[in-house]
């Protein structure tokens, strides 16, 4: 490749073509491919590389602790689970409708796995995603109130098309924390989708929201209005190996 062509490709940010053009031209000559076919193949390679980089960027921005997939989930372990309902979620239609998803079940049943797998799928569909444990979100917003960056910080949780709030209800939340989380959920209502994982059934959510019945009712009104509720029951998956060796 001559220097002028290389400089042009750099200016156009065609990094995949710049790295692969010599090999692709050699293959085209060997296989006697017409010029338009070579150009088409080069542009397809560049586009695929850009899409891959965009997906990777979204996955990093989502702050996922892991990148699980639906295929890795063991539907045979839980005693109660609606596999068809869960598989349908992965069409991501609920995001187009700005609807919510709530996974309810005890620890170790794969709620976080499924929520993160949905987030991965969304990133692969070029959808903006953010993941955070409920306590981390609350602490982040509380700190922002203290240092005067609350408006900017809460926008970070309102902006994504999909927000995953993990482990809601696992740790006690004080009045301020409940109010901060309410602002996030209320701000996203009918505008963007939220996926929540929790160990508490809805009638116990007042324990999560500082035993404030009015706030709990307001939260539930916004979360459940447009929502798919997934109930998972059974023993912790982490007990599986121990059970198998008894």
Protein backbone atom coordinates (compact mmCIF):
# COMPACT_ATOMS: atom_id res chain seq x y z
CA UNK A 1 0.00 0.00 0.00
CA UNK A 2 1.41 3.40 -0.98
CA UNK A 3 1.74 6.23 1.52
CA UNK A 4 -0.97 8.42 -0.01
CA UNK A 5 -3.54 5.65 0.21
CA UNK A 6 -2.50 4.90 3.77
CA UNK A 7 -2.85 8.57 4.76
CA UNK A 8 -6.28 8.72 3.12
CA UNK A 9 -7.45 5.64 5.01
CA UNK A 10 -6.13 7.10 8.27
CA UNK A 11 -7.95 10.39 7.59
CA UNK A 12 -11.18 8.49 6.89
CA UNK A 13 -10.59 6.35 10.01
CA UNK A 14 -10.83 3.18 7.93
CA UNK A 15 -8.59 1.24 10.31
CA UNK A 16 -9.81 -2.25 9.36
CA UNK A 17 -9.28 -1.59 5.64
CA UNK A 18 -5.83 -0.12 6.33
CA UNK A 19 -4.83 -3.22 8.29
CA UNK A 20 -6.28 -5.74 5.82
CA UNK A 21 -6.21 -4.18 2.37
CA UNK A 22 -2.98 -5.82 1.18
CA UNK A 23 -4.20 -9.29 2.13
CA UNK A 24 -7.66 -8.69 0.65
CA UNK A 25 -6.21 -7.40 -2.62
CA UNK A 26 -3.94 -10.46 -2.83
CA UNK A 27 -6.91 -12.77 -2.28
CA UNK A 28 -8.97 -10.90 -4.88
CA UNK A 29 -6.17 -11.20 -7.46
CA UNK A 30 -5.69 -14.90 -6.71
CA UNK A 31 -9.42 -15.60 -7.02
CA UNK A 32 -9.87 -13.23 -9.96
CA UNK A 33 -12.59 -11.23 -8.16
CA UNK A 34 -13.95 -8.11 -9.92
CA UNK A 35 -13.05 -4.71 -8.46
CA UNK A 36 -16.56 -3.94 -7.20
CA UNK A 37 -16.56 -7.22 -5.25
CA UNK A 38 -13.25 -6.33 -3.61
CA UNK A 39 -14.52 -2.86 -2.66
CA UNK A 40 -17.74 -4.33 -1.29
CA UNK A 41 -15.81 -6.86 0.79
CA UNK A 42 -13.49 -4.18 2.18
CA UNK A 43 -16.38 -1.93 3.17
CA UNK A 44 -18.27 -4.83 4.78
CA UNK A 45 -15.16 -5.66 6.82
CA UNK A 46 -14.79 -2.05 7.93
CA UNK A 47 -18.46 -1.84 8.91
CA UNK A 48 -18.30 -5.09 10.88
CA UNK A 49 -15.20 -3.88 12.72
CA UNK A 50 -16.88 -0.58 13.59
CA UNK A 51 -19.98 -2.36 14.85
CA UNK A 52 -17.83 -4.65 17.00
CA UNK A 53 -16.02 -1.65 18.49
CA UNK A 54 -19.34 0.11 19.16
CA UNK A 55 -20.68 -2.96 20.97
CA UNK A 56 -17.51 -3.26 23.04
CA UNK A 57 -17.74 0.42 23.93
CA UNK A 58 -21.35 0.02 25.06
CA UNK A 59 -20.46 -3.05 27.12
CA UNK A 60 -17.71 -1.09 28.91
CA UNK A 61 -20.00 1.88 29.48
CA UNK A 62 -22.69 -0.42 30.89
CA UNK A 63 -20.35 -1.29 33.80
CA UNK A 64 -21.42 -4.92 33.83
CA UNK A 65 -19.55 -7.10 36.34
CA UNK A 66 -19.81 -10.02 33.90
CA UNK A 67 -21.09 -10.77 30.40
CA UNK A 68 -23.33 -13.82 30.77
CA UNK A 69 -25.64 -15.10 28.04
CA UNK A 70 -29.07 -16.68 28.01
CA UNK A 71 -27.55 -19.88 26.58
CA UNK A 72 -25.49 -20.28 29.76
CA UNK A 73 -28.54 -20.20 32.04
CA UNK A 74 -29.69 -23.53 33.50
CA UNK A 75 -33.48 -23.55 33.23
CA UNK A 76 -33.64 -27.00 34.83
CA UNK A 77 -32.32 -25.95 38.24
CA UNK A 78 -35.09 -23.64 39.59
CA UNK A 79 -38.19 -25.39 40.87
CA UNK A 80 -40.41 -22.72 39.34
CA UNK A 81 -39.55 -20.59 36.30
CA UNK A 82 -41.36 -19.56 33.13
CA UNK A 83 -38.75 -20.27 30.48
CA UNK A 84 -40.92 -19.12 27.58
CA UNK A 85 -41.59 -15.78 29.26
CA UNK A 86 -37.88 -15.24 29.85
CA UNK A 87 -36.87 -16.24 26.31
CA UNK A 88 -39.42 -13.80 24.94
CA UNK A 89 -37.79 -10.99 26.93
CA UNK A 90 -34.65 -11.44 24.85
CA UNK A 91 -36.47 -10.09 21.81
CA UNK A 92 -36.10 -6.82 23.75
CA UNK A 93 -39.60 -5.69 22.75
CA UNK A 94 -40.05 -4.37 26.27
CA UNK A 95 -37.32 -1.78 25.64
CA UNK A 96 -39.14 -0.48 22.56
CA UNK A 97 -42.23 -0.06 24.75
CA UNK A 98 -40.31 1.53 27.66
CA UNK A 99 -41.64 -1.26 29.86
CA UNK A 100 -39.94 -2.73 32.92
CA UNK A 101 -38.88 -6.20 34.02
CA UNK A 102 -38.72 -7.34 37.65
CA UNK A 103 -37.02 -10.62 38.59
CA UNK A 104 -38.20 -11.83 42.01
CA UNK A 105 -36.62 -14.74 43.85
CA UNK A 106 -34.29 -15.86 46.59
CA UNK A 107 -30.52 -15.60 46.29
CA UNK A 108 -28.63 -17.88 43.93
CA UNK A 109 -31.39 -18.52 41.40
CA UNK A 110 -29.89 -16.61 38.49
CA UNK A 111 -31.77 -13.32 38.63
CA UNK A 112 -28.64 -11.24 38.18
CA UNK A 113 -27.39 -13.61 35.47
CA UNK A 114 -30.57 -13.08 33.45
CA UNK A 115 -30.61 -9.32 34.04
CA UNK A 116 -26.99 -9.00 32.91
CA UNK A 117 -27.62 -11.26 29.92
CA UNK A 118 -30.46 -8.92 28.88
CA UNK A 119 -28.04 -6.02 29.22
CA UNK A 120 -25.46 -7.79 27.05
CA UNK A 121 -28.11 -8.51 24.41
CA UNK A 122 -29.16 -4.86 24.45
CA UNK A 123 -25.56 -3.70 23.99
CA UNK A 124 -25.21 -6.06 21.03
CA UNK A 125 -28.31 -4.41 19.54
CA UNK A 126 -26.62 -1.00 19.87
CA UNK A 127 -28.81 0.03 22.83
CA UNK A 128 -27.35 2.17 25.62
CA UNK A 129 -27.29 0.33 28.94
CA UNK A 130 -26.20 1.01 32.52
CA UNK A 131 -25.92 -1.59 35.30
CA UNK A 132 -25.66 -0.93 39.02
CA UNK A 133 -26.47 -2.58 42.35
CA UNK A 134 -29.21 -0.61 44.12
CA UNK A 135 -26.90 0.37 46.98
CA UNK A 136 -24.21 1.63 44.59
CA UNK A 137 -26.76 3.78 42.73
CA UNK A 138 -28.06 5.21 46.01
CA UNK A 139 -24.58 5.93 47.37
CA UNK A 140 -23.57 7.54 44.08
CA UNK A 141 -26.58 9.87 44.18
CA UNK A 142 -26.10 10.64 47.89
CA UNK A 143 -22.47 11.61 47.25
CA UNK A 144 -23.57 13.76 44.32
CA UNK A 145 -25.98 15.65 46.58
CA UNK A 146 -23.11 16.40 48.91
CA UNK A 147 -20.69 17.64 46.25
CA UNK A 148 -23.17 19.57 44.13
CA UNK A 149 -23.24 17.26 41.10
CA UNK A 150 -26.65 15.69 41.67
CA UNK A 151 -28.28 17.01 38.50
CA UNK A 152 -25.51 15.60 36.29
CA UNK A 153 -25.35 12.32 38.20
CA UNK A 154 -29.04 11.52 38.13
CA UNK A 155 -29.09 12.18 34.38
CA UNK A 156 -26.60 9.33 34.04
CA UNK A 157 -29.26 6.99 35.46
CA UNK A 158 -32.17 8.53 33.56
CA UNK A 159 -30.49 8.64 30.13
CA UNK A 160 -29.88 4.96 29.18
CA UNK A 161 -32.56 3.09 27.27
CA UNK A 162 -32.02 0.24 29.75
CA UNK A 163 -31.06 0.57 33.41
CA UNK A 164 -30.45 -2.57 35.46
CA UNK A 165 -30.97 -2.10 39.21
CA UNK A 166 -29.51 -5.19 40.84
CA UNK A 167 -30.17 -6.62 44.31
CA UNK A 168 -32.94 -4.24 45.35
CA UNK A 169 -33.96 -5.03 48.92
CA UNK A 170 -30.92 -7.10 49.90
CA UNK A 171 -29.61 -4.35 52.19
CA UNK A 172 -31.66 -1.86 54.25
CA UNK A 173 -32.15 1.58 52.75
CA UNK A 174 -32.71 4.71 54.82
CA UNK A 175 -35.24 7.45 54.07
CA UNK A 176 -32.82 9.46 51.92
CA UNK A 177 -31.74 6.40 49.95
CA UNK A 178 -35.36 5.45 49.30
CA UNK A 179 -36.14 8.96 48.08
CA UNK A 180 -33.12 8.98 45.77
CA UNK A 181 -34.01 5.63 44.23
CA UNK A 182 -37.60 6.79 43.84
CA UNK A 183 -36.40 9.78 41.83
CA UNK A 184 -34.60 7.46 39.42
CA UNK A 185 -37.54 5.11 38.97
CA UNK A 186 -40.06 7.94 38.69
CA UNK A 187 -37.85 9.80 36.21
CA UNK A 188 -37.65 6.76 33.94
CA UNK A 189 -41.37 5.97 34.10
CA UNK A 190 -42.81 5.55 30.58
CA UNK A 191 -39.60 6.99 29.12
CA UNK A 192 -37.10 4.14 29.35
CA UNK A 193 -36.93 0.56 30.59
CA UNK A 194 -35.67 -0.58 33.98
CA UNK A 195 -34.79 -4.16 34.91
CA UNK A 196 -34.85 -4.87 38.66
CA UNK A 197 -33.68 -7.94 40.54
CA UNK A 198 -34.98 -8.37 44.06
CA UNK A 199 -35.50 -10.97 46.78
CA UNK A 200 -38.71 -9.29 47.97
CA UNK A 201 -42.21 -9.82 46.63
CA UNK A 202 -44.12 -6.61 45.91
CA UNK A 203 -46.07 -6.56 49.19
CA UNK A 204 -42.73 -6.46 51.05
CA UNK A 205 -41.29 -3.51 49.14
CA UNK A 206 -42.19 -1.13 51.97
CA UNK A 207 -39.28 -2.72 53.86
CA UNK A 208 -37.04 -1.69 50.99
CA UNK A 209 -38.36 1.87 50.91
CA UNK A 210 -37.82 2.79 54.55
CA UNK A 211 -41.26 1.52 55.63
CA UNK A 212 -42.80 4.53 53.89
CA UNK A 213 -46.09 3.19 52.59
CA UNK A 214 -46.89 6.26 50.50
CA UNK A 215 -43.51 6.20 48.75
CA UNK A 216 -43.71 2.43 48.26
CA UNK A 217 -47.12 2.79 46.65
CA UNK A 218 -45.78 5.50 44.36
CA UNK A 219 -42.79 3.34 43.39
CA UNK A 220 -44.92 0.29 42.68
CA UNK A 221 -47.38 2.37 40.68
CA UNK A 222 -44.59 3.41 38.32
CA UNK A 223 -42.62 0.17 38.20
CA UNK A 224 -45.49 -2.29 37.82
CA UNK A 225 -47.74 -0.26 35.51
CA UNK A 226 -45.88 -1.46 32.40
CA UNK A 227 -43.97 -4.47 33.62
CA UNK A 228 -43.13 -8.14 33.15
CA UNK A 229 -42.76 -9.86 36.53
CA UNK A 230 -40.59 -12.97 36.56
CA UNK A 231 -40.94 -15.23 39.61
CA UNK A 232 -38.12 -17.74 40.18
CA UNK A 233 -38.36 -20.24 43.01
CA UNK A 234 -36.07 -22.99 44.26
CA UNK A 235 -32.80 -23.60 46.06
CA UNK A 236 -29.72 -21.50 45.48
CA UNK A 237 -27.78 -22.60 42.40
CA UNK A 238 -24.64 -22.23 44.51
CA UNK A 239 -25.85 -25.26 46.50
CA UNK A 240 -25.94 -27.40 43.35
CA UNK A 241 -22.42 -28.81 43.56
CA UNK A 242 -22.79 -29.44 47.29
CA UNK A 243 -26.08 -31.26 46.68
CA UNK A 244 -24.59 -33.36 43.88
CA UNK A 245 -21.77 -34.55 46.15
CA UNK A 246 -23.97 -35.63 49.04
